Amino acid sequence: MTGRWTWYVRHRAIASLTLWQACRELLQEKALAGRAASALQRFMELIDALAQETADMPLHVQTDRVIKDSGLRTMYEQGEGRKVRRVSKT
């Protein structure tokens, strides 16, 4: 499945769509299976909400808010970030 949606996004990029627009089309055309579609939908909703909620904040406040509200800080505090670092070193 990963290959299919990756191909789809690349194909849309060639059609001069942004990655964001291609992801929206994936959802609108129901091109993804249930869990993948739900995860992408939640991610896009999170980004939209954070963009609206932080639009008038200074960049350093926006950054802190995004790190906290996205769960990134919690992930690293729980040690999951070490796994990411190990993978990226290989």
N, C-alpha and C. Protein backbone atom coordinates (compact mmCIF):
# COMPACT_ATOMS: atom_id res chain seq x y z
N MET A 1 0.82 -1.20 0.00
CA MET A 1 0.00 0.00 0.00
C MET A 1 0.86 1.26 0.00
N THR A 2 1.97 1.21 0.72
CA THR A 2 2.83 2.39 0.77
C THR A 2 3.25 2.80 -0.64
N GLY A 3 3.64 1.84 -1.44
CA GLY A 3 4.07 2.15 -2.79
C GLY A 3 2.97 2.80 -3.61
N ARG A 4 1.74 2.35 -3.43
CA ARG A 4 0.62 2.88 -4.20
C ARG A 4 0.38 4.35 -3.90
N TRP A 5 0.29 4.70 -2.64
CA TRP A 5 0.01 6.11 -2.33
C TRP A 5 1.22 6.98 -2.61
N THR A 6 2.43 6.44 -2.46
CA THR A 6 3.62 7.20 -2.80
C THR A 6 3.63 7.51 -4.29
N TRP A 7 3.28 6.52 -5.10
CA TRP A 7 3.19 6.75 -6.53
C TRP A 7 2.14 7.81 -6.83
N TYR A 8 1.01 7.72 -6.17
CA TYR A 8 -0.09 8.66 -6.38
C TYR A 8 0.35 10.09 -6.08
N VAL A 9 1.02 10.28 -4.95
CA VAL A 9 1.48 11.61 -4.56
C VAL A 9 2.50 12.13 -5.57
N ARG A 10 3.43 11.27 -5.98
CA ARG A 10 4.42 11.70 -6.98
C ARG A 10 3.75 12.07 -8.30
N HIS A 11 2.79 11.27 -8.71
CA HIS A 11 2.06 11.55 -9.95
C HIS A 11 1.37 12.91 -9.86
N ARG A 12 0.78 13.20 -8.72
CA ARG A 12 0.12 14.49 -8.52
C ARG A 12 1.13 15.63 -8.49
N ALA A 13 2.30 15.39 -7.93
CA ALA A 13 3.34 16.42 -7.90
C ALA A 13 3.77 16.79 -9.31
N ILE A 14 3.85 15.78 -10.16
CA ILE A 14 4.19 16.04 -11.56
C ILE A 14 3.12 16.92 -12.20
N ALA A 15 1.89 16.77 -11.74
CA ALA A 15 0.78 17.56 -12.25
C ALA A 15 0.75 18.96 -11.63
N SER A 16 1.85 19.37 -11.02
CA SER A 16 2.01 20.70 -10.43
C SER A 16 1.15 20.93 -9.19
N LEU A 17 0.86 19.88 -8.47
CA LEU A 17 0.17 20.02 -7.19
C LEU A 17 1.21 20.00 -6.08
N THR A 18 0.92 20.70 -5.00
CA THR A 18 1.78 20.61 -3.83
C THR A 18 1.54 19.28 -3.15
N LEU A 19 2.44 18.90 -2.27
CA LEU A 19 2.26 17.68 -1.49
C LEU A 19 0.96 17.76 -0.69
N TRP A 20 0.67 18.93 -0.15
CA TRP A 20 -0.55 19.13 0.64
C TRP A 20 -1.79 18.92 -0.23
N GLN A 21 -1.79 19.47 -1.44
CA GLN A 21 -2.91 19.30 -2.36
C GLN A 21 -3.07 17.84 -2.77
N ALA A 22 -1.95 17.17 -3.00
CA ALA A 22 -1.99 15.76 -3.38
C ALA A 22 -2.59 14.92 -2.26
N CYS A 23 -2.22 15.23 -1.02
CA CYS A 23 -2.79 14.50 0.12
C CYS A 23 -4.28 14.75 0.24
N ARG A 24 -4.71 15.98 0.01
CA ARG A 24 -6.15 16.29 0.04
C ARG A 24 -6.89 15.47 -1.03
N GLU A 25 -6.29 15.38 -2.22
CA GLU A 25 -6.92 14.60 -3.28
C GLU A 25 -7.00 13.12 -2.90
N LEU A 26 -5.94 12.61 -2.29
CA LEU A 26 -5.97 11.22 -1.83
C LEU A 26 -7.18 10.97 -0.95
N LEU A 27 -7.43 11.89 -0.03
CA LEU A 27 -8.57 11.74 0.88
C LEU A 27 -9.90 11.92 0.16
N GLN A 28 -10.00 12.92 -0.69
CA GLN A 28 -11.25 13.19 -1.40
C GLN A 28 -11.63 12.04 -2.33
N GLU A 29 -10.63 11.45 -2.95
CA GLU A 29 -10.89 10.36 -3.90
C GLU A 29 -10.93 8.99 -3.22
N LYS A 30 -10.80 8.99 -1.89
CA LYS A 30 -10.82 7.75 -1.10
C LYS A 30 -9.84 6.72 -1.67
N ALA A 31 -8.63 7.21 -1.96
CA ALA A 31 -7.59 6.37 -2.56
C ALA A 31 -6.81 5.57 -1.52
N LEU A 32 -7.04 5.84 -0.24
CA LEU A 32 -6.33 5.14 0.83
C LEU A 32 -7.29 4.24 1.60
N ALA A 33 -6.74 3.16 2.15
CA ALA A 33 -7.52 2.26 2.99
C ALA A 33 -7.83 2.95 4.32
N GLY A 34 -8.72 2.38 5.09
CA GLY A 34 -9.22 2.96 6.33
C GLY A 34 -8.21 3.56 7.28
N ARG A 35 -7.27 2.75 7.77
CA ARG A 35 -6.32 3.26 8.77
C ARG A 35 -5.41 4.33 8.19
N ALA A 36 -4.95 4.13 6.98
CA ALA A 36 -4.07 5.12 6.35
C ALA A 36 -4.81 6.43 6.12
N ALA A 37 -6.04 6.33 5.65
CA ALA A 37 -6.85 7.53 5.41
C ALA A 37 -7.12 8.26 6.72
N SER A 38 -7.44 7.51 7.76
CA SER A 38 -7.71 8.13 9.07
C SER A 38 -6.48 8.83 9.61
N ALA A 39 -5.33 8.19 9.50
CA ALA A 39 -4.09 8.79 10.00
C ALA A 39 -3.75 10.06 9.23
N LEU A 40 -3.88 10.01 7.91
CA LEU A 40 -3.59 11.20 7.10
C LEU A 40 -4.58 12.31 7.41
N GLN A 41 -5.85 11.97 7.57
CA GLN A 41 -6.87 12.97 7.89
C GLN A 41 -6.57 13.64 9.23
N ARG A 42 -6.24 12.84 10.24
CA ARG A 42 -5.92 13.41 11.57
C ARG A 42 -4.69 14.31 11.49
N PHE A 43 -3.67 13.88 10.75
CA PHE A 43 -2.47 14.69 10.60
C PHE A 43 -2.79 16.03 9.94
N MET A 44 -3.55 15.99 8.87
CA MET A 44 -3.88 17.23 8.17
C MET A 44 -4.74 18.15 9.03
N GLU A 45 -5.66 17.58 9.79
CA GLU A 45 -6.48 18.38 10.70
C GLU A 45 -5.62 19.02 11.79
N LEU A 46 -4.64 18.28 12.31
CA LEU A 46 -3.73 18.82 13.32
C LEU A 46 -2.95 20.00 12.75
N ILE A 47 -2.41 19.84 11.56
CA ILE A 47 -1.63 20.91 10.94
C ILE A 47 -2.51 22.13 10.68
N ASP A 48 -3.71 21.92 10.16
CA ASP A 48 -4.63 23.05 9.92
C ASP A 48 -4.95 23.77 11.22
N ALA A 49 -5.26 23.01 12.27
CA ALA A 49 -5.61 23.62 13.56
C ALA A 49 -4.44 24.40 14.13
N LEU A 50 -3.26 23.81 14.10
CA LEU A 50 -2.08 24.51 14.63
C LEU A 50 -1.78 25.78 13.83
N ALA A 51 -1.96 25.72 12.53
CA ALA A 51 -1.71 26.90 11.69
C ALA A 51 -2.66 28.03 12.06
N GLN A 52 -3.93 27.70 12.27
CA GLN A 52 -4.91 28.72 12.63
C GLN A 52 -4.67 29.26 14.04
N GLU A 53 -4.40 28.36 14.98
CA GLU A 53 -4.25 28.76 16.37
C GLU A 53 -2.97 29.54 16.64
N THR A 54 -1.96 29.36 15.83
CA THR A 54 -0.67 29.99 16.10
C THR A 54 -0.33 31.11 15.11
N ALA A 55 -1.24 31.45 14.24
CA ALA A 55 -0.96 32.40 13.16
C ALA A 55 -0.40 33.73 13.66
N ASP A 56 -0.89 34.22 14.78
CA ASP A 56 -0.47 35.53 15.27
C ASP A 56 0.62 35.46 16.33
N MET A 57 1.16 34.29 16.56
CA MET A 57 2.19 34.11 17.59
C MET A 57 3.58 34.31 16.99
N PRO A 58 4.54 34.74 17.82
CA PRO A 58 5.94 34.80 17.34
C PRO A 58 6.42 33.38 17.00
N LEU A 59 7.40 33.29 16.13
CA LEU A 59 7.89 32.00 15.65
C LEU A 59 8.32 31.07 16.79
N HIS A 60 9.03 31.59 17.79
CA HIS A 60 9.50 30.71 18.87
C HIS A 60 8.33 30.15 19.68
N VAL A 61 7.25 30.90 19.81
CA VAL A 61 6.07 30.41 20.52
C VAL A 61 5.34 29.38 19.64
N GLN A 62 5.25 29.65 18.35
CA GLN A 62 4.64 28.69 17.42
C GLN A 62 5.37 27.35 17.48
N THR A 63 6.69 27.42 17.42
CA THR A 63 7.51 26.21 17.42
C THR A 63 7.29 25.41 18.69
N ASP A 64 7.31 26.06 19.84
CA ASP A 64 7.08 25.38 21.11
C ASP A 64 5.70 24.74 21.14
N ARG A 65 4.71 25.45 20.67
CA ARG A 65 3.34 24.94 20.66
C ARG A 65 3.21 23.72 19.76
N VAL A 66 3.80 23.78 18.59
CA VAL A 66 3.72 22.66 17.65
C VAL A 66 4.42 21.43 18.22
N ILE A 67 5.59 21.63 18.82
CA ILE A 67 6.32 20.50 19.41
C ILE A 67 5.50 19.86 20.52
N LYS A 68 4.87 20.68 21.34
CA LYS A 68 4.07 20.16 22.45
C LYS A 68 2.77 19.50 21.95
N ASP A 69 2.00 20.22 21.14
CA ASP A 69 0.68 19.74 20.73
C ASP A 69 0.73 18.59 19.73
N SER A 70 1.83 18.44 19.02
CA SER A 70 1.94 17.35 18.05
C SER A 70 2.30 16.02 18.72
N GLY A 71 2.74 16.09 19.97
CA GLY A 71 3.15 14.88 20.66
C GLY A 71 4.63 14.57 20.50
N LEU A 72 5.35 15.42 19.78
CA LEU A 72 6.78 15.18 19.55
C LEU A 72 7.56 15.20 20.86
N ARG A 73 7.27 16.18 21.70
CA ARG A 73 7.98 16.27 22.99
C ARG A 73 7.74 15.01 23.81
N THR A 74 6.50 14.57 23.90
CA THR A 74 6.16 13.37 24.67
C THR A 74 6.87 12.15 24.10
N MET A 75 6.92 12.04 22.78
CA MET A 75 7.58 10.90 22.15
C MET A 75 9.05 10.83 22.58
N TYR A 76 9.74 11.96 22.56
CA TYR A 76 11.14 11.97 22.95
C TYR A 76 11.31 11.74 24.45
N GLU A 77 10.40 12.28 25.25
CA GLU A 77 10.49 12.07 26.70
C GLU A 77 10.30 10.60 27.06
N GLN A 78 9.50 9.89 26.28
CA GLN A 78 9.25 8.47 26.54
C GLN A 78 10.32 7.57 25.93
N GLY A 79 11.30 8.16 25.30
CA GLY A 79 12.40 7.38 24.77
C GLY A 79 12.23 6.91 23.35
N GLU A 80 11.08 7.16 22.75
CA GLU A 80 10.87 6.72 21.38
C GLU A 80 11.77 7.47 20.41
N GLY A 81 12.21 8.65 20.78
CA GLY A 81 13.09 9.43 19.92
C GLY A 81 14.43 8.77 19.69
N ARG A 82 14.88 7.98 20.68
CA ARG A 82 16.16 7.27 20.51
C ARG A 82 16.08 6.29 19.36
N LYS A 83 14.95 5.65 19.20
CA LYS A 83 14.77 4.71 18.09
C LYS A 83 14.90 5.45 16.77
N VAL A 84 14.30 6.62 16.70
CA VAL A 84 14.37 7.41 15.47
C VAL A 84 15.81 7.80 15.19
N ARG A 85 16.54 8.23 16.21
CA ARG A 85 17.94 8.63 16.00
C ARG A 85 18.78 7.44 15.55
N ARG A 86 18.56 6.27 16.16
CA ARG A 86 19.34 5.09 15.78
C ARG A 86 19.09 4.73 14.33
N VAL A 87 17.86 4.79 13.91
CA VAL A 87 17.53 4.44 12.53
C VAL A 87 18.17 5.43 11.58
N SER A 88 18.17 6.71 11.92
CA SER A 88 18.70 7.71 11.01
C SER A 88 20.22 7.64 10.89
N LYS A 89 20.91 7.00 11.84
CA LYS A 89 22.37 6.89 11.78
C LYS A 89 22.83 5.77 10.87
N THR A 90 21.95 4.85 10.52
CA THR A 90 22.35 3.71 9.71
C THR A 90 22.36 4.03 8.24
